[in-house]
Amino acid sequence: MLGACSDDDPFRSPATASNLITGVSLAVFSDGAAAPAGLDLLGFRAVRPEIGANGSPNFQLAIDVDAAGTLRLHPVLTLLNPPGGATTVGLLRTESSFTELARAPNDGFADDSAQVIRAGDTFVFRYVAGTCVFGDPLYGKIELTGYDAVSRRATVRYLLNRNCGYRDLTEGLPSN
């Protein structure tokens, strides 16, 4: 039944996981505190950054601040080079608001480059980690909803489409 498959690829499996928006609070990465400073995209949670026994990091994105107070959104490989680091996260700034952004684009992602981020900024991300059988990426969007310079904590909300290769970035079961 082709009608249930992605409209991008008639041979792609139908979507099985609904898209949900998740909000988390993160400490800035460079503080080195025990507070959660990394974002585990698939686990939908903030984590204390660690390298596992298999050499893979437990996070994919983090927010850090430099001496001038500029915040940057960091894919994991801009912060460390783990021995098992096959994870790639590409970022693309968008002019659309988080709510308006409905679909990930085909290209334009800056792989493994940190991006300046301010409250209200929205980025699309492409996440490749070997979780999909044919190497398809997962797509999502993330918005910095706030930053407290005194506590050095950032709040973000994000949506991850866990269906391999699907680009739909709205809540619910994706169709493409």
C-alpha atoms as a PDB file:
ATOM      1  CA  MET A   1       0.000   0.000   0.000  1.00  0.00           C
ATOM      2  CA  LEU A   2       1.980   2.955  -1.282  1.00  0.00           C
ATOM      3  CA  GLY A   3      -0.404   5.568   0.085  1.00  0.00           C
ATOM      4  CA  ALA A   4       0.876   4.937   3.624  1.00  0.00           C
ATOM      5  CA  CYS A   5       4.526   5.501   2.708  1.00  0.00           C
ATOM      6  CA  SER A   6       6.534   8.671   2.570  1.00  0.00           C
ATOM      7  CA  ASP A   7       5.712  10.939  -0.362  1.00  0.00           C
ATOM      8  CA  ASP A   8       9.486  11.436  -0.872  1.00  0.00           C
ATOM      9  CA  ASP A   9      10.215   7.743  -1.448  1.00  0.00           C
ATOM     10  CA  PRO A  10       7.464   5.263  -2.317  1.00  0.00           C
ATOM     11  CA  PHE A  11       9.666   2.408  -1.026  1.00  0.00           C
ATOM     12  CA  ARG A  12      10.271   3.916   2.418  1.00  0.00           C
ATOM     13  CA  SER A  13       8.550   2.212   5.324  1.00  0.00           C
ATOM     14  CA  PRO A  14       5.500   3.943   6.760  1.00  0.00           C
ATOM     15  CA  ALA A  15       6.149   6.207   9.732  1.00  0.00           C
ATOM     16  CA  THR A  16       5.592   4.513  13.090  1.00  0.00           C
ATOM     17  CA  ALA A  17       6.758   7.117  15.655  1.00  0.00           C
ATOM     18  CA  SER A  18       4.832  10.316  16.330  1.00  0.00           C
ATOM     19  CA  ASN A  19       6.681  13.631  16.510  1.00  0.00           C
ATOM     20  CA  LEU A  20       6.565  15.301  19.929  1.00  0.00           C
ATOM     21  CA  ILE A  21       7.951  18.596  21.210  1.00  0.00           C
ATOM     22  CA  THR A  22      10.284  18.257  24.194  1.00  0.00           C
ATOM     23  CA  GLY A  23      11.550  21.060  26.432  1.00  0.00           C
ATOM     24  CA  VAL A  24      14.765  20.783  28.475  1.00  0.00           C
ATOM     25  CA  SER A  25      17.059  22.932  30.578  1.00  0.00           C
ATOM     26  CA  LEU A  26      20.819  22.721  30.037  1.00  0.00           C
ATOM     27  CA  ALA A  27      23.846  24.065  31.866  1.00  0.00           C
ATOM     28  CA  VAL A  28      26.477  25.550  29.562  1.00  0.00           C
ATOM     29  CA  PHE A  29      28.974  22.900  28.473  1.00  0.00           C
ATOM     30  CA  SER A  30      32.188  24.652  29.563  1.00  0.00           C
ATOM     31  CA  ASP A  31      31.113  24.867  33.215  1.00  0.00           C
ATOM     32  CA  GLY A  32      32.138  21.226  33.607  1.00  0.00           C
ATOM     33  CA  ALA A  33      29.658  20.843  36.445  1.00  0.00           C
ATOM     34  CA  ALA A  34      27.667  17.739  37.198  1.00  0.00           C
ATOM     35  CA  ALA A  35      24.574  19.476  35.808  1.00  0.00           C
ATOM     36  CA  PRO A  36      23.128  18.179  32.533  1.00  0.00           C
ATOM     37  CA  ALA A  37      24.894  20.070  29.743  1.00  0.00           C
ATOM     38  CA  GLY A  38      24.289  17.787  26.758  1.00  0.00           C
ATOM     39  CA  LEU A  39      21.168  16.924  24.811  1.00  0.00           C
ATOM     40  CA  ASP A  40      20.443  13.238  24.185  1.00  0.00           C
ATOM     41  CA  LEU A  41      18.170  13.655  21.170  1.00  0.00           C
ATOM     42  CA  LEU A  42      16.871  10.080  21.008  1.00  0.00           C
ATOM     43  CA  GLY A  43      16.393   9.884  24.770  1.00  0.00           C
ATOM     44  CA  PHE A  44      14.506  13.204  24.836  1.00  0.00           C
ATOM     45  CA  ARG A  45      16.508  14.412  27.850  1.00  0.00           C
ATOM     46  CA  ALA A  46      19.356  16.532  29.111  1.00  0.00           C
ATOM     47  CA  VAL A  47      22.384  14.513  30.269  1.00  0.00           C
ATOM     48  CA  ARG A  48      25.730  15.027  31.917  1.00  0.00           C
ATOM     49  CA  PRO A  49      28.096  14.588  28.938  1.00  0.00           C
ATOM     50  CA  GLU A  50      30.032  11.319  29.033  1.00  0.00           C
ATOM     51  CA  ILE A  51      31.848   8.960  26.732  1.00  0.00           C
ATOM     52  CA  GLY A  52      30.484   5.417  27.101  1.00  0.00           C
ATOM     53  CA  ALA A  53      32.511   2.214  27.359  1.00  0.00           C
ATOM     54  CA  ASN A  54      31.998   1.726  23.610  1.00  0.00           C
ATOM     55  CA  GLY A  55      33.626   5.113  22.902  1.00  0.00           C
ATOM     56  CA  SER A  56      30.389   6.850  21.929  1.00  0.00           C
ATOM     57  CA  PRO A  57      29.176  10.057  23.572  1.00  0.00           C
ATOM     58  CA  ASN A  58      25.792  10.080  25.290  1.00  0.00           C
ATOM     59  CA  PHE A  59      24.774  13.422  23.735  1.00  0.00           C
ATOM     60  CA  GLN A  60      24.503  14.998  20.285  1.00  0.00           C
ATOM     61  CA  LEU A  61      24.043  18.735  20.948  1.00  0.00           C
ATOM     62  CA  ALA A  62      25.108  21.167  23.657  1.00  0.00           C
ATOM     63  CA  ILE A  63      25.013  24.900  24.289  1.00  0.00           C
ATOM     64  CA  ASP A  64      28.083  26.782  25.425  1.00  0.00           C
ATOM     65  CA  VAL A  65      28.968  30.407  26.092  1.00  0.00           C
ATOM     66  CA  ASP A  66      32.271  32.184  25.418  1.00  0.00           C
ATOM     67  CA  ALA A  67      34.003  34.903  27.496  1.00  0.00           C
ATOM     68  CA  ALA A  68      32.066  37.609  25.628  1.00  0.00           C
ATOM     69  CA  GLY A  69      28.739  35.989  26.560  1.00  0.00           C
ATOM     70  CA  THR A  70      27.953  34.681  23.073  1.00  0.00           C
ATOM     71  CA  LEU A  71      25.963  31.448  23.058  1.00  0.00           C
ATOM     72  CA  ARG A  72      26.720  28.748  20.519  1.00  0.00           C
ATOM     73  CA  LEU A  73      24.833  25.586  19.624  1.00  0.00           C
ATOM     74  CA  HIS A  74      27.400  22.794  19.333  1.00  0.00           C
ATOM     75  CA  PRO A  75      27.131  19.426  17.609  1.00  0.00           C
ATOM     76  CA  VAL A  76      29.038  16.852  19.680  1.00  0.00           C
ATOM     77  CA  LEU A  77      32.067  16.672  17.366  1.00  0.00           C
ATOM     78  CA  THR A  78      32.805  20.387  17.827  1.00  0.00           C
ATOM     79  CA  LEU A  79      33.352  19.754  21.544  1.00  0.00           C
ATOM     80  CA  LEU A  80      35.158  16.423  21.604  1.00  0.00           C
ATOM     81  CA  ASN A  81      36.469  13.727  19.318  1.00  0.00           C
ATOM     82  CA  PRO A  82      35.314  10.429  20.765  1.00  0.00           C
ATOM     83  CA  PRO A  83      37.010   7.255  19.539  1.00  0.00           C
ATOM     84  CA  GLY A  84      33.662   5.772  18.513  1.00  0.00           C
ATOM     85  CA  GLY A  85      32.364   9.055  17.102  1.00  0.00           C
ATOM     86  CA  ALA A  86      30.307   8.134  14.052  1.00  0.00           C
ATOM     87  CA  THR A  87      27.590  10.621  14.986  1.00  0.00           C
ATOM     88  CA  THR A  88      27.209  13.603  12.665  1.00  0.00           C
ATOM     89  CA  VAL A  89      24.882  16.502  13.359  1.00  0.00           C
ATOM     90  CA  GLY A  90      24.401  19.201  10.754  1.00  0.00           C
ATOM     91  CA  LEU A  91      22.762  22.522  11.606  1.00  0.00           C
ATOM     92  CA  LEU A  92      20.881  25.002   9.447  1.00  0.00           C
ATOM     93  CA  ARG A  93      19.624  28.357  10.724  1.00  0.00           C
ATOM     94  CA  THR A  94      16.124  29.161   9.548  1.00  0.00           C
ATOM     95  CA  GLU A  95      14.193  32.416   9.354  1.00  0.00           C
ATOM     96  CA  SER A  96      10.978  30.521  10.147  1.00  0.00           C
ATOM     97  CA  SER A  97       9.748  30.377  13.713  1.00  0.00           C
ATOM     98  CA  PHE A  98       9.804  27.042  15.518  1.00  0.00           C
ATOM     99  CA  THR A  99       6.029  26.765  15.141  1.00  0.00           C
ATOM    100  CA  GLU A 100       5.993  27.721  11.441  1.00  0.00           C
ATOM    101  CA  LEU A 101       8.797  25.349  10.416  1.00  0.00           C
ATOM    102  CA  ALA A 102       6.995  22.290   9.042  1.00  0.00           C
ATOM    103  CA  ARG A 103       9.587  20.448   6.925  1.00  0.00           C
ATOM    104  CA  ALA A 104      13.354  19.957   6.869  1.00  0.00           C
ATOM    105  CA  PRO A 105      15.072  21.085   3.663  1.00  0.00           C
ATOM    106  CA  ASN A 106      17.098  18.771   1.417  1.00  0.00           C
ATOM    107  CA  ASP A 107      20.444  20.500   1.873  1.00  0.00           C
ATOM    108  CA  GLY A 108      22.316  23.468   3.329  1.00  0.00           C
ATOM    109  CA  PHE A 109      23.309  21.865   6.635  1.00  0.00           C
ATOM    110  CA  ALA A 110      26.662  22.810   8.175  1.00  0.00           C
ATOM    111  CA  ASP A 111      28.006  19.505   9.413  1.00  0.00           C
ATOM    112  CA  ASP A 112      29.875  19.613  12.692  1.00  0.00           C
ATOM    113  CA  SER A 113      30.025  23.420  12.963  1.00  0.00           C
ATOM    114  CA  ALA A 114      28.965  25.405  16.022  1.00  0.00           C
ATOM    115  CA  GLN A 115      26.409  28.150  15.377  1.00  0.00           C
ATOM    116  CA  VAL A 116      25.723  31.373  17.275  1.00  0.00           C
ATOM    117  CA  ILE A 117      22.272  31.149  18.857  1.00  0.00           C
ATOM    118  CA  ARG A 118      20.070  33.744  20.556  1.00  0.00           C
ATOM    119  CA  ALA A 119      16.728  33.428  22.321  1.00  0.00           C
ATOM    120  CA  GLY A 120      14.050  32.802  19.696  1.00  0.00           C
ATOM    121  CA  ASP A 121      16.467  31.398  17.084  1.00  0.00           C
ATOM    122  CA  THR A 122      15.391  28.175  15.381  1.00  0.00           C
ATOM    123  CA  PHE A 123      17.673  25.665  13.693  1.00  0.00           C
ATOM    124  CA  VAL A 124      16.898  22.574  11.670  1.00  0.00           C
ATOM    125  CA  PHE A 125      19.216  19.661  12.334  1.00  0.00           C
ATOM    126  CA  ARG A 126      20.155  16.503  10.443  1.00  0.00           C
ATOM    127  CA  TYR A 127      21.266  13.666  12.711  1.00  0.00           C
ATOM    128  CA  VAL A 128      23.164  10.674  11.305  1.00  0.00           C
ATOM    129  CA  ALA A 129      24.142   8.027  13.831  1.00  0.00           C
ATOM    130  CA  GLY A 130      23.731   4.633  12.230  1.00  0.00           C
ATOM    131  CA  THR A 131      20.276   4.183  13.731  1.00  0.00           C
ATOM    132  CA  CYS A 132      18.639   3.755  10.316  1.00  0.00           C
ATOM    133  CA  VAL A 133      19.160   0.600   8.250  1.00  0.00           C
ATOM    134  CA  PHE A 134      19.940   2.375   4.977  1.00  0.00           C
ATOM    135  CA  GLY A 135      21.880   5.252   6.543  1.00  0.00           C
ATOM    136  CA  ASP A 136      19.027   7.743   6.271  1.00  0.00           C
ATOM    137  CA  PRO A 137      19.292  10.674   8.661  1.00  0.00           C
ATOM    138  CA  LEU A 138      16.810  11.767  11.273  1.00  0.00           C
ATOM    139  CA  TYR A 139      15.625  15.386  11.092  1.00  0.00           C
ATOM    140  CA  GLY A 140      14.486  17.803  13.751  1.00  0.00           C
ATOM    141  CA  LYS A 141      14.259  21.407  14.840  1.00  0.00           C
ATOM    142  CA  ILE A 142      15.460  23.196  17.958  1.00  0.00           C
ATOM    143  CA  GLU A 143      14.777  26.637  19.443  1.00  0.00           C
ATOM    144  CA  LEU A 144      16.567  28.462  22.241  1.00  0.00           C
ATOM    145  CA  THR A 145      13.664  29.620  24.405  1.00  0.00           C
ATOM    146  CA  GLY A 146      15.757  31.365  27.034  1.00  0.00           C
ATOM    147  CA  TYR A 147      19.125  31.877  28.699  1.00  0.00           C
ATOM    148  CA  ASP A 148      19.873  33.013  32.267  1.00  0.00           C
ATOM    149  CA  ALA A 149      23.387  34.508  32.334  1.00  0.00           C
ATOM    150  CA  VAL A 150      23.534  34.394  36.140  1.00  0.00           C
ATOM    151  CA  SER A 151      22.765  30.669  36.510  1.00  0.00           C
ATOM    152  CA  ARG A 152      24.355  29.956  33.094  1.00  0.00           C
ATOM    153  CA  ARG A 153      21.410  27.779  32.101  1.00  0.00           C
ATOM    154  CA  ALA A 154      19.679  27.619  28.737  1.00  0.00           C
ATOM    155  CA  THR A 155      16.229  26.302  27.946  1.00  0.00           C
ATOM    156  CA  VAL A 156      15.422  24.777  24.590  1.00  0.00           C
ATOM    157  CA  ARG A 157      12.548  23.019  22.947  1.00  0.00           C
ATOM    158  CA  TYR A 158      13.007  20.589  20.128  1.00  0.00           C
ATOM    159  CA  LEU A 159      11.218  18.125  17.922  1.00  0.00           C
ATOM    160  CA  LEU A 160      12.949  15.029  16.550  1.00  0.00           C
ATOM    161  CA  ASN A 161      11.355  13.016  13.765  1.00  0.00           C
ATOM    162  CA  ARG A 162      12.452   9.463  14.690  1.00  0.00           C
ATOM    163  CA  ASN A 163      11.264   8.029  11.363  1.00  0.00           C
ATOM    164  CA  CYS A 164      14.287   7.389   9.149  1.00  0.00           C
ATOM    165  CA  GLY A 165      14.519   9.903   6.290  1.00  0.00           C
ATOM    166  CA  TYR A 166      11.213  11.624   7.057  1.00  0.00           C
ATOM    167  CA  ARG A 167      11.402  15.442   6.930  1.00  0.00           C
ATOM    168  CA  ASP A 168       8.043  16.375   8.482  1.00  0.00           C
ATOM    169  CA  LEU A 169       8.649  18.651  11.517  1.00  0.00           C
ATOM    170  CA  THR A 170       5.134  18.987  12.897  1.00  0.00           C
ATOM    171  CA  GLU A 171       3.619  17.181  15.857  1.00  0.00           C
ATOM    172  CA  GLY A 172       1.882  13.859  15.227  1.00  0.00           C
ATOM    173  CA  LEU A 173       2.553  10.965  12.878  1.00  0.00           C
ATOM    174  CA  PRO A 174       4.580  12.297   9.915  1.00  0.00           C
ATOM    175  CA  SER A 175       3.578  11.685   6.305  1.00  0.00           C
ATOM    176  CA  ASN A 176       6.784  12.716   4.531  1.00  0.00           C
END
